[in-house]
Protein backbone atom coordinates (compact mmCIF):
# COMPACT_ATOMS: atom_id res chain seq x y z
CA MET A 1 79.97 18.63 28.50
CA ASN A 2 80.19 22.33 27.84
CA ARG A 3 80.44 23.80 31.36
CA LEU A 4 83.71 21.89 31.46
CA LEU A 5 84.59 23.29 28.09
CA ALA A 6 83.97 26.75 29.54
CA ILE A 7 86.47 26.02 32.31
CA ALA A 8 88.88 24.58 29.76
CA PHE A 9 88.30 27.77 27.78
CA MET A 10 89.28 29.83 30.82
CA LEU A 11 92.49 27.82 31.26
CA ALA A 12 93.26 28.07 27.56
CA LEU A 13 92.56 31.79 27.67
CA LEU A 14 94.84 32.23 30.65
CA ALA A 15 97.46 30.30 28.74
CA ALA A 16 96.87 32.39 25.62
CA CYS A 17 97.20 35.50 27.76
CA SER A 18 100.38 34.27 29.39
CA GLU A 19 103.95 35.30 28.94
CA SER A 20 105.64 33.75 25.93
CA PRO A 21 109.31 32.97 26.47
CA ALA A 22 109.94 32.75 22.73
CA PRO A 23 113.39 34.25 22.14
CA GLU A 24 112.33 36.18 19.06
CA ALA A 25 109.74 38.14 21.06
CA ALA A 26 112.00 40.86 22.42
CA ASP A 27 109.16 42.74 24.10
CA GLU A 28 108.50 39.75 26.35
CA SER A 29 111.95 39.71 27.92
CA GLU A 30 111.07 42.45 30.39
CA PRO A 31 110.24 41.49 33.99
CA PRO A 32 106.49 40.96 34.49
CA PRO A 33 104.70 44.01 35.88
CA GLN A 34 102.27 43.89 38.77
CA PRO A 35 98.65 43.34 37.70
CA ALA A 36 96.72 46.52 37.13
CA ALA A 37 93.65 44.96 38.73
CA ALA A 38 92.81 45.06 42.40
CA GLU A 39 94.77 42.51 44.37
CA PRO A 40 92.98 39.66 46.19
CA ALA A 41 92.07 40.35 49.80
CA GLU A 42 94.90 40.09 52.30
CA ALA A 43 95.17 36.73 54.05
CA THR A 44 95.15 36.44 57.83
CA GLY A 45 96.36 32.87 58.21
CA PRO A 46 97.41 32.79 61.89
CA SER A 47 93.88 33.54 63.10
CA ALA A 48 92.09 31.32 60.60
CA SER A 49 91.01 28.90 63.32
CA ASP A 50 88.59 31.38 64.85
CA GLU A 51 85.43 32.90 63.46
CA ALA A 52 87.19 36.03 62.27
CA GLY A 53 89.79 33.95 60.47
CA VAL A 54 87.13 31.96 58.63
CA ALA A 55 85.39 35.20 57.70
CA ALA A 56 88.70 36.53 56.38
CA PHE A 57 89.18 33.40 54.30
CA ASP A 58 85.65 33.74 52.89
CA ALA A 59 86.32 37.38 52.03
CA PHE A 60 89.54 36.39 50.28
CA VAL A 61 87.70 33.72 48.27
CA ASP A 62 84.95 36.14 47.23
CA SER A 63 87.51 38.73 46.19
CA LEU A 64 89.56 36.18 44.25
CA ILE A 65 86.53 34.88 42.37
CA ASP A 66 85.47 38.42 41.50
CA ASP A 67 88.96 39.16 40.20
CA LEU A 68 89.10 35.95 38.16
CA LEU A 69 85.73 36.67 36.60
CA ARG A 70 86.66 40.25 35.84
CA ARG A 71 89.98 39.26 34.33
CA SER A 72 88.29 36.73 32.04
CA PRO A 73 85.08 38.29 30.70
CA GLU A 74 84.59 35.26 28.45
CA TRP A 75 84.59 32.80 31.34
CA ALA A 76 82.31 35.16 33.27
CA ILE A 77 79.83 35.10 30.38
CA TYR A 78 79.78 31.30 30.41
CA GLU A 79 79.11 31.36 34.15
CA GLY A 80 76.32 33.94 33.93
CA ARG A 81 78.09 37.18 34.93
CA TYR A 82 77.80 40.03 32.43
CA GLU A 83 79.25 43.14 34.11
CA ASN A 84 82.26 43.15 31.79
CA ALA A 85 80.66 41.32 28.89
CA GLY A 86 81.57 44.05 26.43
CA GLU A 87 85.28 43.51 27.01
CA VAL A 88 87.44 40.98 25.17
CA SER A 89 90.57 39.41 26.61
CA ILE A 90 93.25 40.23 24.06
CA PRO A 91 95.97 37.53 24.14
CA ASP A 92 98.93 39.88 23.82
CA ALA A 93 102.28 39.96 25.64
CA GLU A 94 101.28 42.54 28.26
CA HIS A 95 98.16 40.67 29.28
CA ARG A 96 100.10 37.44 29.44
CA ARG A 97 102.63 38.87 31.87
CA GLU A 98 99.87 40.33 34.01
CA GLU A 99 98.14 36.97 34.30
CA LEU A 100 101.28 35.22 35.55
CA ALA A 101 101.88 37.98 38.09
CA PHE A 102 98.28 37.79 39.27
CA ILE A 103 98.42 34.01 39.70
CA GLY A 104 101.62 34.22 41.72
CA ASP A 105 100.20 36.96 43.91
CA ALA A 106 96.95 35.05 44.51
CA LEU A 107 98.81 31.86 45.43
CA GLU A 108 101.00 33.76 47.89
CA ARG A 109 97.94 35.18 49.65
CA LEU A 110 96.13 31.84 49.65
CA GLU A 111 99.15 30.13 51.19
CA GLY A 112 99.12 32.77 53.93
CA PHE A 113 96.16 30.97 55.49
CA ASP A 114 96.73 28.06 57.85
CA ARG A 115 94.92 25.40 55.84
CA GLU A 116 94.81 22.92 58.74
CA ALA A 117 93.06 25.46 60.98
CA LEU A 118 90.16 25.91 58.56
CA PRO A 119 86.95 23.85 58.84
CA VAL A 120 86.79 20.92 56.41
CA ASP A 121 84.49 22.62 53.89
CA ARG A 122 86.90 25.58 53.68
CA ARG A 123 89.91 23.26 53.45
CA THR A 124 88.39 21.66 50.37
CA ASP A 125 87.77 25.12 48.90
CA TYR A 126 91.40 25.95 49.66
CA ASP A 127 92.57 22.83 47.80
CA LEU A 128 90.37 23.53 44.80
CA LEU A 129 91.58 27.12 44.52
CA GLU A 130 95.20 26.08 44.93
CA ASN A 131 94.83 23.47 42.21
CA ARG A 132 93.06 25.91 39.88
CA LEU A 133 95.75 28.56 40.27
CA GLU A 134 98.65 26.13 39.99
CA SER A 135 96.94 24.46 37.05
CA SER A 136 96.63 27.81 35.32
CA ARG A 137 100.31 28.45 35.85
CA PHE A 138 101.13 24.98 34.51
CA TYR A 139 99.06 25.65 31.39
CA ILE A 140 100.85 28.96 30.91
CA GLN A 141 104.44 28.05 31.60
CA THR A 142 104.70 24.34 30.82
CA LEU A 143 101.89 23.03 28.64
CA ARG A 144 101.67 26.25 26.59
CA PRO A 145 98.65 25.39 24.39
CA TRP A 146 98.53 29.01 23.25
CA GLU A 147 101.55 28.22 21.08
CA TRP A 148 100.21 25.09 19.39
CA GLN A 149 96.41 24.95 19.66
CA PRO A 150 94.98 27.62 17.33
CA SER A 151 91.52 26.16 17.98
CA ASN A 152 91.66 27.94 21.36
CA TYR A 153 91.20 31.22 19.47
CA ASN A 154 87.52 31.65 18.63
CA VAL A 155 85.18 34.55 19.42
CA ALA A 156 81.85 32.85 18.63
CA GLY A 157 80.87 31.25 21.94
CA PRO A 158 80.49 34.35 24.14
CA LEU A 159 78.76 36.22 21.30
CA SER A 160 76.20 33.43 20.95
CA ILE A 161 75.49 33.43 24.68
CA LEU A 162 74.98 37.20 24.77
CA LEU A 163 72.66 36.98 21.79
CA ASN A 164 70.52 34.11 23.07
CA THR A 165 70.45 34.60 26.85
CA GLU A 166 67.80 37.07 28.00
CA PHE A 167 69.68 38.53 30.96
CA ALA A 168 68.94 42.07 29.70
CA PRO A 169 66.75 43.71 27.03
CA LEU A 170 67.86 42.93 23.50
CA PRO A 171 69.13 46.47 22.72
CA GLU A 172 71.47 46.32 25.72
CA ARG A 173 72.75 42.91 24.68
CA LEU A 174 73.28 44.06 21.12
CA ALA A 175 75.32 47.00 22.43
CA LEU A 176 77.53 44.58 24.37
CA ILE A 177 77.86 42.43 21.26
CA ARG A 178 78.83 45.52 19.27
CA ASP A 179 81.51 46.34 21.83
CA ARG A 180 82.94 42.83 21.60
CA LEU A 181 82.81 42.78 17.81
CA GLU A 182 84.84 45.98 17.64
CA GLN A 183 87.68 44.18 19.43
CA VAL A 184 87.70 41.07 17.23
CA PRO A 185 90.39 42.35 14.80
CA ALA A 186 92.78 43.06 17.68
CA TYR A 187 91.99 39.65 19.17
CA TYR A 188 93.00 37.77 16.03
CA ASP A 189 96.05 39.98 15.50
CA ALA A 190 97.22 38.92 18.96
CA ALA A 191 96.38 35.29 18.20
CA ARG A 192 98.64 35.36 15.15
CA ASN A 193 101.46 36.86 17.20
CA SER A 194 100.99 34.27 19.96
CA LEU A 195 100.92 31.16 17.83
CA GLY A 196 104.17 29.26 17.41
CA THR A 197 104.29 25.90 15.63
CA PRO A 198 100.82 24.34 15.85
CA THR A 199 99.64 20.79 15.32
CA LEU A 200 97.95 19.91 12.05
CA GLU A 201 94.92 18.60 13.92
CA HIS A 202 94.26 21.74 15.97
CA THR A 203 94.86 23.93 12.94
CA GLU A 204 92.26 22.01 10.94
CA LEU A 205 89.81 22.30 13.83
CA ALA A 206 90.45 26.04 14.16
CA ILE A 207 89.69 26.56 10.48
CA SER A 208 86.48 24.53 10.68
CA GLN A 209 85.14 26.06 13.89
CA ASN A 210 86.00 29.65 13.00
CA ARG A 211 84.19 29.21 9.71
CA GLY A 212 81.27 27.92 11.74
CA GLY A 213 81.50 31.03 13.89
CA LEU A 214 80.44 33.13 10.90
CA SER A 215 76.95 31.70 11.41
CA VAL A 216 76.81 33.54 14.75
CA LEU A 217 77.43 36.81 12.91
CA ALA A 218 74.55 35.95 10.60
CA ASP A 219 72.34 35.34 13.65
CA ILE A 220 73.38 38.69 15.12
CA ARG A 221 72.51 40.53 11.91
CA GLU A 222 69.15 38.77 11.68
CA LYS A 223 68.18 39.54 15.26
CA ALA A 224 69.36 43.14 14.97
CA ALA A 225 67.26 43.62 11.84
CA GLY A 226 64.10 42.85 13.79
CA ALA A 227 65.05 44.70 16.96
CA ASP A 228 63.80 48.07 18.14
CA ILE A 229 67.16 49.85 18.31
CA ASP A 230 68.24 53.36 17.42
CA GLU A 231 70.05 54.24 14.22
CA ALA A 232 73.37 54.84 15.96
CA LEU A 233 73.47 51.34 17.46
CA SER A 234 72.22 49.76 14.26
CA SER A 235 74.92 51.46 12.21
CA SER A 236 77.78 50.81 14.64
CA LEU A 237 76.71 47.19 15.10
CA ALA A 238 76.64 46.60 11.35
CA GLU A 239 80.07 48.17 10.96
CA ALA A 240 81.50 46.12 13.82
CA ALA A 241 80.01 42.90 12.43
CA ASP A 242 81.56 43.60 9.04
CA GLY A 243 84.93 44.22 10.64
CA ALA A 244 84.69 41.06 12.73
CA GLU A 245 83.72 38.99 9.70
CA SER A 246 86.71 40.32 7.80
CA ALA A 247 89.00 39.53 10.75
CA ILE A 248 87.66 35.98 11.05
CA ASN A 249 88.07 35.38 7.33
CA ASP A 250 91.62 36.76 7.46
CA TRP A 251 92.40 34.46 10.40
CA VAL A 252 91.03 31.44 8.55
CA ARG A 253 92.98 32.27 5.40
CA TRP A 254 96.14 32.76 7.44
CA LEU A 255 95.62 29.39 9.13
CA GLU A 256 95.03 27.76 5.77
CA GLY A 257 98.38 29.12 4.64
CA ARG A 258 100.08 27.83 7.79
CA LEU A 259 98.44 24.45 7.30
CA GLU A 260 99.74 24.20 3.75
CA GLU A 261 103.24 25.17 4.90
CA LEU A 262 103.23 22.64 7.73
CA ARG A 263 102.05 19.83 5.51
CA ALA A 264 104.70 20.62 2.92
CA SER A 265 107.54 20.92 5.43
CA GLY A 266 106.52 18.15 7.80
CA ASN A 267 107.44 20.44 10.70
CA ALA A 268 104.08 20.52 12.50
CA ARG A 269 104.13 19.87 16.22
CA SER A 270 103.00 16.40 17.30
CA PHE A 271 99.67 16.30 19.10
CA ARG A 272 101.11 13.71 21.55
CA LEU A 273 102.08 15.06 24.97
CA GLY A 274 104.60 12.47 26.12
CA GLU A 275 104.77 10.90 29.57
CA ALA A 276 106.04 13.82 31.65
CA LEU A 277 103.54 16.41 30.41
CA TYR A 278 100.73 13.86 30.41
CA GLU A 279 101.22 12.86 34.06
CA GLN A 280 101.37 16.51 35.13
CA LYS A 281 98.23 17.42 33.21
CA PHE A 282 96.47 14.32 34.56
CA ALA A 283 97.29 15.31 38.14
CA TYR A 284 95.94 18.84 37.73
CA ASP A 285 92.89 17.94 35.63
CA ILE A 286 91.70 14.76 37.36
CA GLN A 287 92.72 15.59 40.97
CA ALA A 288 92.75 12.01 42.21
CA ASP A 289 94.94 9.94 44.51
CA PHE A 290 96.21 7.78 41.64
CA SER A 291 98.45 8.40 38.66
CA ALA A 292 97.64 8.16 34.97
CA GLU A 293 99.70 4.96 34.79
CA GLU A 294 97.71 3.43 37.67
CA LEU A 295 94.40 4.32 36.02
CA TYR A 296 95.63 2.79 32.76
CA ARG A 297 96.30 -0.53 34.51
CA ARG A 298 92.97 -0.49 36.35
CA ALA A 299 91.11 0.20 33.10
CA GLN A 300 92.77 -2.81 31.50
CA ALA A 301 91.60 -5.03 34.35
CA GLU A 302 88.08 -3.58 34.10
CA LYS A 303 88.06 -4.34 30.38
CA ASP A 304 88.62 -8.05 31.08
CA ARG A 305 85.83 -8.08 33.69
CA LEU A 306 83.39 -6.38 31.33
CA LEU A 307 84.07 -8.82 28.51
CA GLU A 308 83.34 -11.72 30.84
CA GLU A 309 80.06 -10.10 31.91
CA MET A 310 79.07 -9.33 28.32
CA ASP A 311 79.81 -12.89 27.32
CA GLY A 312 77.22 -14.06 29.83
CA TYR A 313 74.52 -11.86 28.29
CA THR A 314 75.56 -13.00 24.81
CA LYS A 315 75.12 -16.66 25.75
CA GLU A 316 71.72 -15.87 27.27
CA LEU A 317 70.53 -14.05 24.13
CA TRP A 318 72.04 -16.33 21.49
CA PRO A 319 69.14 -18.82 21.22
CA GLN A 320 66.69 -15.93 20.75
CA TYR A 321 68.57 -14.28 17.90
CA PHE A 322 70.59 -17.13 16.34
CA ALA A 323 68.49 -20.21 17.06
CA GLU A 324 69.79 -22.13 14.04
CA GLU A 325 73.43 -21.05 14.29
CA PRO A 326 76.09 -22.43 16.64
CA MET A 327 77.92 -19.94 18.83
CA PRO A 328 81.48 -19.10 17.78
CA GLU A 329 84.12 -20.49 20.10
CA ALA A 330 86.02 -17.21 20.36
CA ARG A 331 84.59 -14.86 23.01
CA LEU A 332 85.18 -11.63 21.08
CA GLU A 333 83.63 -13.11 17.95
CA ARG A 334 80.39 -14.22 19.61
CA ILE A 335 79.97 -10.97 21.54
CA GLY A 336 80.64 -9.03 18.34
CA ARG A 337 78.07 -11.05 16.40
CA MET A 338 75.40 -10.39 19.00
CA ILE A 339 76.15 -6.67 19.12
CA ASP A 340 76.10 -6.50 15.32
CA ARG A 341 72.64 -8.09 15.30
CA LEU A 342 71.21 -5.80 17.97
CA SER A 343 72.71 -2.75 16.25
CA GLU A 344 70.32 -3.29 13.36
CA GLU A 345 67.52 -1.99 15.61
CA HIS A 346 67.54 1.80 15.45
CA VAL A 347 65.53 4.87 14.47
CA ALA A 348 65.59 6.44 11.02
CA VAL A 349 68.11 9.19 10.27
CA GLY A 350 65.46 11.90 10.29
CA ASP A 351 64.02 10.73 13.62
CA PHE A 352 67.26 10.75 15.61
CA VAL A 353 66.91 14.18 17.24
CA GLU A 354 63.18 13.78 17.80
CA GLU A 355 63.66 10.42 19.54
CA ILE A 356 66.06 12.09 21.95
CA ARG A 357 63.40 14.71 22.70
CA ARG A 358 60.81 11.98 23.26
CA GLN A 359 62.87 10.12 25.83
CA MET A 360 63.67 13.05 28.11
CA PRO A 361 60.32 13.20 29.96
CA GLN A 362 60.30 9.40 30.25
CA LEU A 363 63.65 9.44 32.02
CA ALA A 364 62.51 12.25 34.33
CA GLU A 365 59.36 10.33 35.24
CA PHE A 366 61.32 7.16 36.00
CA VAL A 367 63.61 9.07 38.36
CA ARG A 368 60.57 10.64 40.05
CA GLN A 369 58.64 7.38 40.43
CA ASN A 370 61.62 5.55 41.86
CA ASP A 371 62.59 8.48 44.09
CA LEU A 372 66.24 8.33 43.02
CA LEU A 373 67.21 11.97 43.58
CA ASP A 374 65.79 15.49 43.66
CA GLN A 375 64.86 17.11 40.35
CA ASP A 376 63.66 20.54 39.24
CA PRO A 377 60.53 20.16 37.08
CA ASP A 378 60.59 23.88 36.29
CA LYS A 379 63.88 23.56 34.38
CA PRO A 380 63.26 21.42 31.29
CA LEU A 381 66.16 20.40 29.10
CA VAL A 382 66.10 21.99 25.62
CA VAL A 383 67.22 19.66 22.83
CA ARG A 384 68.77 21.56 19.91
CA GLU A 385 71.08 20.99 16.97
CA THR A 386 74.72 21.55 17.86
CA PRO A 387 75.76 25.08 16.80
CA GLU A 388 78.20 25.02 13.89
CA TYR A 389 80.99 26.73 15.81
CA MET A 390 80.93 23.81 18.31
CA ARG A 391 81.10 21.00 15.76
CA GLY A 392 84.11 19.07 14.55
CA THR A 393 85.52 17.81 17.86
CA GLY A 394 84.39 14.21 17.37
CA ALA A 395 81.51 14.35 19.88
CA ILE A 396 77.98 13.76 18.57
CA ALA A 397 76.25 15.11 21.69
CA SER A 398 76.94 17.45 24.60
CA VAL A 399 75.21 19.62 27.19
CA SER A 400 75.58 23.41 27.49
CA ALA A 401 74.46 24.56 30.91
CA PRO A 402 74.33 28.01 32.52
CA GLY A 403 76.59 28.87 35.40
CA PRO A 404 75.59 29.51 39.01
CA PHE A 405 75.12 33.25 38.46
CA ASN A 406 72.32 32.75 35.95
CA PRO A 407 70.73 29.39 36.81
CA GLU A 408 67.42 30.29 35.16
CA ALA A 409 68.96 30.38 31.69
CA GLU A 410 68.28 27.52 29.31
CA THR A 411 70.21 24.27 29.47
CA TYR A 412 70.81 22.80 26.02
CA TYR A 413 71.29 19.21 24.94
CA ASN A 414 73.31 19.67 21.76
CA VAL A 415 72.85 16.96 19.13
CA THR A 416 74.60 17.00 15.77
CA PRO A 417 72.04 16.04 13.08
CA LEU A 418 73.03 12.81 11.36
CA GLU A 419 72.10 14.30 7.99
CA THR A 420 75.28 16.39 8.20
CA TYR A 421 77.50 13.30 8.07
CA GLY A 422 76.63 11.76 4.73
CA GLU A 423 74.69 8.55 4.13
CA GLU A 424 77.40 6.01 5.01
CA GLN A 425 78.60 7.71 8.18
CA ALA A 426 75.04 8.45 9.31
CA ALA A 427 74.15 4.77 8.94
CA SER A 428 77.21 3.87 11.02
CA TYR A 429 76.19 6.31 13.75
CA LEU A 430 72.69 4.83 13.84
CA ARG A 431 74.14 1.38 14.41
CA GLU A 432 76.34 2.76 17.17
CA TYR A 433 73.43 4.62 18.78
CA ASN A 434 70.89 1.87 18.30
CA ASP A 435 67.67 1.51 20.27
CA TRP A 436 69.53 0.54 23.46
CA MET A 437 72.64 2.70 23.18
CA LEU A 438 70.53 5.79 22.52
CA GLN A 439 68.83 5.32 25.89
CA ILE A 440 72.22 5.17 27.59
CA LEU A 441 73.38 8.28 25.73
CA ASN A 442 70.29 10.17 26.92
CA ILE A 443 70.83 9.09 30.52
CA HIS A 444 74.45 10.20 30.28
CA GLU A 445 73.87 13.61 28.70
CA GLY A 446 70.45 14.31 30.14
CA ILE A 447 68.60 12.72 33.05
CA PRO A 448 69.96 11.96 35.58
CA GLY A 449 73.40 12.57 34.02
CA HIS A 450 75.02 15.87 33.08
CA TYR A 451 71.86 17.97 33.05
CA THR A 452 70.71 16.83 36.49
CA GLN A 453 74.18 17.08 38.02
CA LEU A 454 74.63 20.64 36.80
CA LEU A 455 71.27 21.72 38.20
CA HIS A 456 72.46 20.52 41.60
CA ALA A 457 75.89 22.09 41.13
CA ASN A 458 74.38 25.52 40.56
CA LYS A 459 72.69 25.24 43.97
CA SER A 460 75.89 24.47 45.86
CA PRO A 461 76.47 26.96 48.72
CA SER A 462 80.16 27.01 47.77
CA LEU A 463 80.86 29.05 44.65
CA VAL A 464 84.30 27.48 44.49
CA LYS A 465 82.82 23.99 44.25
CA SER A 466 80.29 25.12 41.68
CA LEU A 467 82.56 27.21 39.47
CA PHE A 468 85.70 25.12 39.29
CA GLY A 469 84.17 21.94 37.96
CA ASN A 470 86.22 18.77 37.99
CA GLY A 471 85.97 16.82 34.75
CA ALA A 472 86.33 13.41 36.37
CA MET A 473 83.45 14.10 38.76
CA VAL A 474 81.19 15.48 36.03
CA GLU A 475 81.86 12.74 33.49
CA GLY A 476 82.09 10.09 36.18
CA TRP A 477 78.65 11.02 37.49
CA ALA A 478 77.17 10.73 34.00
CA VAL A 479 78.67 7.25 33.56
CA TYR A 480 77.63 6.24 37.08
CA SER A 481 74.06 7.41 36.43
CA GLU A 482 73.78 5.00 33.47
CA ARG A 483 74.59 1.98 35.60
CA MET A 484 72.47 3.20 38.50
CA MET A 485 69.41 3.63 36.27
CA LEU A 486 69.75 0.09 34.93
CA GLU A 487 70.27 -1.27 38.45
CA GLU A 488 67.04 0.43 39.52
CA GLY A 489 65.05 -1.13 36.68
CA TRP A 490 65.21 1.20 33.69
CA GLY A 491 64.62 -1.03 30.67
CA ASP A 492 63.10 -3.81 32.80
CA HIS A 493 66.50 -5.49 33.14
CA GLU A 494 66.55 -6.50 29.48
CA PRO A 495 69.70 -8.50 28.73
CA GLU A 496 69.96 -6.56 25.46
CA LEU A 497 70.20 -3.29 27.37
CA TRP A 498 72.72 -4.71 29.83
CA LEU A 499 74.83 -6.04 26.97
CA MET A 500 74.83 -2.63 25.31
CA HIS A 501 75.62 -1.01 28.63
CA GLY A 502 78.62 -3.30 28.78
CA LYS A 503 79.62 -2.04 25.35
CA TRP A 504 79.24 1.55 26.59
CA LEU A 505 81.44 0.85 29.61
CA LEU A 506 83.97 -0.79 27.30
CA ARG A 507 84.05 2.53 25.46
CA VAL A 508 84.65 4.30 28.77
CA THR A 509 87.51 1.99 29.75
CA HIS A 510 89.00 2.19 26.27
CA ASN A 511 88.88 5.98 26.50
CA ALA A 512 91.30 5.73 29.43
CA ILE A 513 93.41 2.99 27.85
CA LEU A 514 93.72 4.67 24.47
CA ASP A 515 94.34 8.18 25.75
CA HIS A 516 97.33 6.94 27.71
CA ALA A 517 98.46 4.59 24.94
CA VAL A 518 98.35 7.31 22.29
CA HIS A 519 99.85 10.24 24.21
CA VAL A 520 102.38 8.32 26.31
CA ARG A 521 103.09 5.06 24.50
CA GLY A 522 102.88 6.31 20.91
CA MET A 523 100.05 4.09 19.68
CA GLU A 524 99.26 4.80 16.03
CA ARG A 525 95.88 5.38 14.41
CA ASP A 526 95.46 1.97 12.77
CA GLU A 527 96.08 0.08 16.01
CA ALA A 528 93.80 2.38 18.01
CA VAL A 529 90.94 2.06 15.52
CA ARG A 530 91.44 -1.71 15.33
CA MET A 531 91.25 -1.99 19.11
CA MET A 532 88.09 0.09 19.27
CA GLN A 533 86.36 -1.93 16.56
CA GLU A 534 87.53 -5.45 17.40
CA GLU A 535 87.86 -5.31 21.20
CA ALA A 536 85.28 -2.64 22.10
CA PHE A 537 82.82 -3.38 19.25
CA GLN A 538 82.56 0.24 18.13
CA GLU A 539 81.21 1.18 14.75
CA THR A 540 83.57 2.74 12.21
CA SER A 541 82.02 6.19 12.73
CA GLU A 542 82.54 6.10 16.50
CA ALA A 543 86.07 4.72 16.24
CA THR A 544 87.25 7.25 13.66
CA GLN A 545 85.68 10.18 15.51
CA LYS A 546 87.19 8.96 18.77
CA TRP A 547 90.60 8.94 17.12
CA ARG A 548 89.95 12.56 16.20
CA ARG A 549 89.18 13.36 19.83
CA LEU A 550 92.37 11.59 20.90
CA THR A 551 94.36 13.92 18.66
CA LEU A 552 92.55 17.06 19.84
CA SER A 553 92.40 16.51 23.61
CA GLN A 554 94.68 15.14 26.27
CA VAL A 555 93.62 13.49 29.56
CA GLN A 556 89.94 14.49 29.14
CA LEU A 557 89.03 11.05 27.81
CA THR A 558 90.36 9.45 31.00
CA SER A 559 87.93 11.47 33.12
CA TYR A 560 84.97 9.19 32.39
CA TYR A 561 86.48 6.07 33.88
CA ALA A 562 88.47 7.86 36.58
CA GLY A 563 85.34 9.51 37.97
CA TYR A 564 83.05 6.51 37.51
CA ALA A 565 85.40 4.13 39.31
CA ALA A 566 85.86 6.57 42.20
CA ILE A 567 82.11 7.14 42.61
CA MET A 568 81.36 3.42 42.56
CA ASP A 569 84.10 2.84 45.15
CA LEU A 570 82.62 5.54 47.41
CA ARG A 571 79.05 4.28 47.06
CA GLU A 572 79.91 0.66 47.77
CA ARG A 573 82.08 1.65 50.70
CA LEU A 574 79.24 3.64 52.28
CA ARG A 575 76.72 0.91 51.49
CA ALA A 576 78.92 -1.64 53.27
CA GLU A 577 79.45 0.65 56.28
CA GLN A 578 75.79 1.68 56.63
CA GLY A 579 74.14 -1.64 55.80
CA ASP A 580 70.34 -1.46 55.86
CA GLU A 581 70.48 2.23 56.74
CA PHE A 582 72.06 3.12 53.38
CA ASP A 583 69.66 5.37 51.43
CA LEU A 584 70.40 5.66 47.71
CA LYS A 585 68.49 8.93 47.22
CA ALA A 586 70.20 10.50 50.23
CA PHE A 587 73.57 9.39 48.87
CA HIS A 588 72.82 10.96 45.49
CA ASN A 589 71.53 14.25 46.89
CA GLN A 590 74.42 14.63 49.31
CA PHE A 591 77.00 13.69 46.67
CA LEU A 592 75.58 16.23 44.22
CA SER A 593 75.28 18.98 46.85
CA TYR A 594 79.02 19.65 46.75
CA GLY A 595 78.97 21.10 43.26
CA SER A 596 81.34 19.69 40.67
CA SER A 597 84.13 18.96 43.14
CA PRO A 598 86.66 16.16 42.66
CA VAL A 599 85.36 12.85 43.96
CA ASP A 600 88.22 12.76 46.49
CA THR A 601 86.97 16.08 47.87
CA ILE A 602 83.37 14.88 48.02
CA SER A 603 84.46 11.67 49.70
CA ALA A 604 86.30 13.67 52.37
CA LEU A 605 83.21 15.79 52.99
CA MET A 606 80.83 12.81 53.11
CA THR A 607 83.01 10.67 55.37
CA GLY A 608 84.68 13.37 57.45
CA GLU A 609 88.10 12.09 56.44
CA GLU A 610 90.91 14.33 55.23
CA GLN A 611 91.90 14.05 51.61
CA THR A 612 95.40 13.91 50.18
CA SER A 613 96.40 16.39 47.51
CA ALA A 614 97.16 14.76 44.15
CA VAL A 615 99.59 17.52 43.16
CA ASP A 616 102.65 18.30 45.27
């Protein structure tokens, strides 16, 4: 989901703009200077219990958000703020030192408030801001992806948003694009100087996605050719685009050379984090009251429960599909046979994207008729082909949503056309996203999953809760929405759909199991792919692409199950406490009203109980 990617982009950018302690970089040995930007508002902690103290905290938060947005024009663009859209964050040594100094200064002022004296909604904002700032510092000083993830360096995304979002007349947007393009050569020069020893996997992705970014330059030239702009802008834009294209090509060629060197020497960095880094990243990213190890064990138990449930549906369906054939004695074998048979039912390759478009209004109507939660009929979801600069991560679908500052902008459901995969892989994807699984995918990405959740998030009265989205809440809601829709009657309780939903949840639990097993326990590719295919019944295409995601991300794949399990726990707890008075729609609307906060935070707000910080 690409709002989360925007936040990940901000963290990566902060990391890229952070101080590098590399010994060969002599210019980085100087003490960090104070940030040139305005400092966050002074804290007045001792009086935070009264009205003036709360107002002071709110002023501090507003000032801090403004500073964060100004210091990261790229993140601001993703969130719908364009005041500094013509500026590019150059990941050089000076900027890196400034970011660390700013984070330390902001944390000091935040900690000047008496957290316990604040009302509960402000305490949760306090916790979210503290986690975001400490997380940024962790990314800079400890995780250091700017040294080993060259895929973090890509100029295409903000350019595409400026080109395609009508927040200002086209000539004004083209002028901003021109300004950004003029800074692209300096950006990639700094990227080269920042990069240490990268992983093979992130280097390959950087090459692929930066090549894809050239298509954005083509779009800019095409739109400029038909625009009513003066000769000066036309000429300077063309010159800047040529310079940016040359810089991107130089960057790609340089990465290709690095890739060849790393393959020949065998000295590439491993993509695996290891236990210590993984647990720290999990704590900051997931923000839950359990560890990565604890989630790993719970996911294993959930896997066993799901297989038992799926076996029941298999036995129910067997006479219908295999009337003349005895059921295999082995549970995995009979479930696998049934899933293989059902996977034969799917759309044609050329109809894949159109079928997704067709289902969106049907899902919206079902939610409306069953009064499951509030929707916004004036904000339709736009299904489009995934832009080339976003492809190659191993995900076939995603949602790109506007931020809270520009909620009227389009929300896109990005779908990678199957024709781009080749005949064999496309056929495998169609079996994976068969007639039943495609419905679940559309619930997850669209309605009432990511798309619906983000519409609610943009209406949250707390900018903190809207801006600093928690991946486990966002992905967990999407997974929860699948089960909820089936519980409420989507698909008429077909056992085929429930069986495939079990397969989907097996994927979710295996995401958590495999992410931990690969990054902490050293699981190799062959064993991971075998597990996905034989124990989670995934098609070859899904399993191989998931392995790619495992090598490119860390912790993110655990967010699906972490959030889903926490939401289900909260719902069932409230249902038990409220009995007949429990209202599902009210639960959904209240849950979604708190933006994209961690589920622990939402639980504290819904129950009135204090939460415990996951990061000491």
